[in-house]
Amino acid sequence: FAVLLPNTDSLGSLVVAEAIRVAVATLAIENKASTIHRYVTVSVGTATLIPTEKLTPEALLAAAEEALYRAKQAGRNIVRQA
């Protein structure tokens, strides 16, 4: 899922992303199907930009997705920023 935070800078997006990650971890939802973690976790990729003709909403999503994949590669249950 995506969380859009208008008027939020890079630091603000990291604060919100980390709060979401911690909130999910705190729920301690058992994940019996996983061989990676006993509990449900989230990996989060963040990106910020001010849209222009060259910096489109699609570019923002692509940057966030790339950061998400880096978070997963770093071990999951982590936040990474584009």
C-alpha atoms as a PDB file:
ATOM      1  CA  PHE A   1       0.000   0.000   0.000  1.00  0.00           C
ATOM      2  CA  ALA A   2       1.044   3.603  -0.341  1.00  0.00           C
ATOM      3  CA  VAL A   3       0.914   6.447   2.146  1.00  0.00           C
ATOM      4  CA  LEU A   4       0.915   9.887   0.582  1.00  0.00           C
ATOM      5  CA  LEU A   5       2.085  12.684   2.847  1.00  0.00           C
ATOM      6  CA  PRO A   6       1.617  16.116   1.263  1.00  0.00           C
ATOM      7  CA  ASN A   7       3.956  18.842   2.498  1.00  0.00           C
ATOM      8  CA  THR A   8       6.256  16.292   4.156  1.00  0.00           C
ATOM      9  CA  ASP A   9      10.008  16.367   3.757  1.00  0.00           C
ATOM     10  CA  SER A  10      12.406  13.410   3.699  1.00  0.00           C
ATOM     11  CA  LEU A  11      12.903  13.390   7.459  1.00  0.00           C
ATOM     12  CA  GLY A  12       9.157  13.512   8.051  1.00  0.00           C
ATOM     13  CA  SER A  13       8.592  10.592   5.699  1.00  0.00           C
ATOM     14  CA  LEU A  14      11.205   8.553   7.577  1.00  0.00           C
ATOM     15  CA  VAL A  15       9.561   9.326  10.925  1.00  0.00           C
ATOM     16  CA  VAL A  16       6.143   8.212   9.652  1.00  0.00           C
ATOM     17  CA  ALA A  17       7.558   5.111   7.933  1.00  0.00           C
ATOM     18  CA  GLU A  18       9.400   4.031  11.077  1.00  0.00           C
ATOM     19  CA  ALA A  19       6.270   4.609  13.184  1.00  0.00           C
ATOM     20  CA  ILE A  20       4.292   2.356  10.824  1.00  0.00           C
ATOM     21  CA  ARG A  21       7.006  -0.316  10.927  1.00  0.00           C
ATOM     22  CA  VAL A  22       7.124  -0.283  14.724  1.00  0.00           C
ATOM     23  CA  ALA A  23       3.320  -0.263  15.045  1.00  0.00           C
ATOM     24  CA  VAL A  24       3.028  -3.397  12.901  1.00  0.00           C
ATOM     25  CA  ALA A  25       5.837  -5.138  14.801  1.00  0.00           C
ATOM     26  CA  THR A  26       4.211  -4.237  18.120  1.00  0.00           C
ATOM     27  CA  LEU A  27       1.032  -6.044  17.082  1.00  0.00           C
ATOM     28  CA  ALA A  28       2.999  -9.328  17.137  1.00  0.00           C
ATOM     29  CA  ILE A  29       0.748 -10.981  14.560  1.00  0.00           C
ATOM     30  CA  GLU A  30       1.970 -14.542  14.177  1.00  0.00           C
ATOM     31  CA  ASN A  31       3.002 -15.469  10.641  1.00  0.00           C
ATOM     32  CA  LYS A  32       3.039 -19.261  10.626  1.00  0.00           C
ATOM     33  CA  ALA A  33       3.546 -19.457   6.861  1.00  0.00           C
ATOM     34  CA  SER A  34       6.799 -17.479   6.909  1.00  0.00           C
ATOM     35  CA  THR A  35      10.235 -19.025   7.126  1.00  0.00           C
ATOM     36  CA  ILE A  36      11.801 -15.570   7.527  1.00  0.00           C
ATOM     37  CA  HIS A  37      10.036 -14.008  10.512  1.00  0.00           C
ATOM     38  CA  ARG A  38       7.806 -15.503  13.173  1.00  0.00           C
ATOM     39  CA  TYR A  39       5.657 -12.362  13.145  1.00  0.00           C
ATOM     40  CA  VAL A  40       4.257 -10.144  10.410  1.00  0.00           C
ATOM     41  CA  THR A  41       6.656  -7.315   9.599  1.00  0.00           C
ATOM     42  CA  VAL A  42       6.768  -4.559   7.025  1.00  0.00           C
ATOM     43  CA  SER A  43       9.546  -3.265   4.870  1.00  0.00           C
ATOM     44  CA  VAL A  44       9.118   0.351   3.831  1.00  0.00           C
ATOM     45  CA  GLY A  45      10.533   2.403   0.996  1.00  0.00           C
ATOM     46  CA  THR A  46      10.157   6.173   1.115  1.00  0.00           C
ATOM     47  CA  ALA A  47      10.645   8.844  -1.498  1.00  0.00           C
ATOM     48  CA  THR A  48       9.924  12.547  -1.642  1.00  0.00           C
ATOM     49  CA  LEU A  49       9.817  15.039  -4.466  1.00  0.00           C
ATOM     50  CA  ILE A  50       8.234  18.223  -5.642  1.00  0.00           C
ATOM     51  CA  PRO A  51       6.403  17.365  -8.894  1.00  0.00           C
ATOM     52  CA  THR A  52       7.471  19.106 -12.084  1.00  0.00           C
ATOM     53  CA  GLU A  53       7.134  18.141 -15.731  1.00  0.00           C
ATOM     54  CA  LYS A  54      10.196  15.910 -15.358  1.00  0.00           C
ATOM     55  CA  LEU A  55       9.495  14.737 -11.783  1.00  0.00           C
ATOM     56  CA  THR A  56       6.109  13.102 -12.099  1.00  0.00           C
ATOM     57  CA  PRO A  57       4.013  11.147  -9.588  1.00  0.00           C
ATOM     58  CA  GLU A  58       5.099   8.009 -11.470  1.00  0.00           C
ATOM     59  CA  ALA A  59       8.728   8.916 -10.773  1.00  0.00           C
ATOM     60  CA  LEU A  60       7.888   9.230  -7.080  1.00  0.00           C
ATOM     61  CA  LEU A  61       6.300   5.778  -7.019  1.00  0.00           C
ATOM     62  CA  ALA A  62       9.237   4.273  -8.896  1.00  0.00           C
ATOM     63  CA  ALA A  63      11.708   5.778  -6.405  1.00  0.00           C
ATOM     64  CA  ALA A  64       9.694   4.508  -3.431  1.00  0.00           C
ATOM     65  CA  GLU A  65       9.479   1.050  -4.995  1.00  0.00           C
ATOM     66  CA  GLU A  66      13.237   0.961  -5.542  1.00  0.00           C
ATOM     67  CA  ALA A  67      13.777   1.926  -1.892  1.00  0.00           C
ATOM     68  CA  LEU A  68      11.335  -0.808  -0.833  1.00  0.00           C
ATOM     69  CA  TYR A  69      13.316  -3.449  -2.726  1.00  0.00           C
ATOM     70  CA  ARG A  70      16.521  -2.213  -1.071  1.00  0.00           C
ATOM     71  CA  ALA A  71      14.811  -2.559   2.323  1.00  0.00           C
ATOM     72  CA  LYS A  72      13.840  -6.139   1.527  1.00  0.00           C
ATOM     73  CA  GLN A  73      17.363  -6.941   0.351  1.00  0.00           C
ATOM     74  CA  ALA A  74      18.768  -5.442   3.558  1.00  0.00           C
ATOM     75  CA  GLY A  75      16.946  -8.013   5.646  1.00  0.00           C
ATOM     76  CA  ARG A  76      13.332  -6.853   5.747  1.00  0.00           C
ATOM     77  CA  ASN A  77      11.488  -5.199   8.628  1.00  0.00           C
ATOM     78  CA  ILE A  78      13.429  -2.031   7.864  1.00  0.00           C
ATOM     79  CA  VAL A  79      12.954   1.403   6.306  1.00  0.00           C
ATOM     80  CA  ARG A  80      14.994   2.658   3.354  1.00  0.00           C
ATOM     81  CA  GLN A  81      14.809   6.009   1.641  1.00  0.00           C
ATOM     82  CA  ALA A  82      15.269   6.758  -2.040  1.00  0.00           C
END
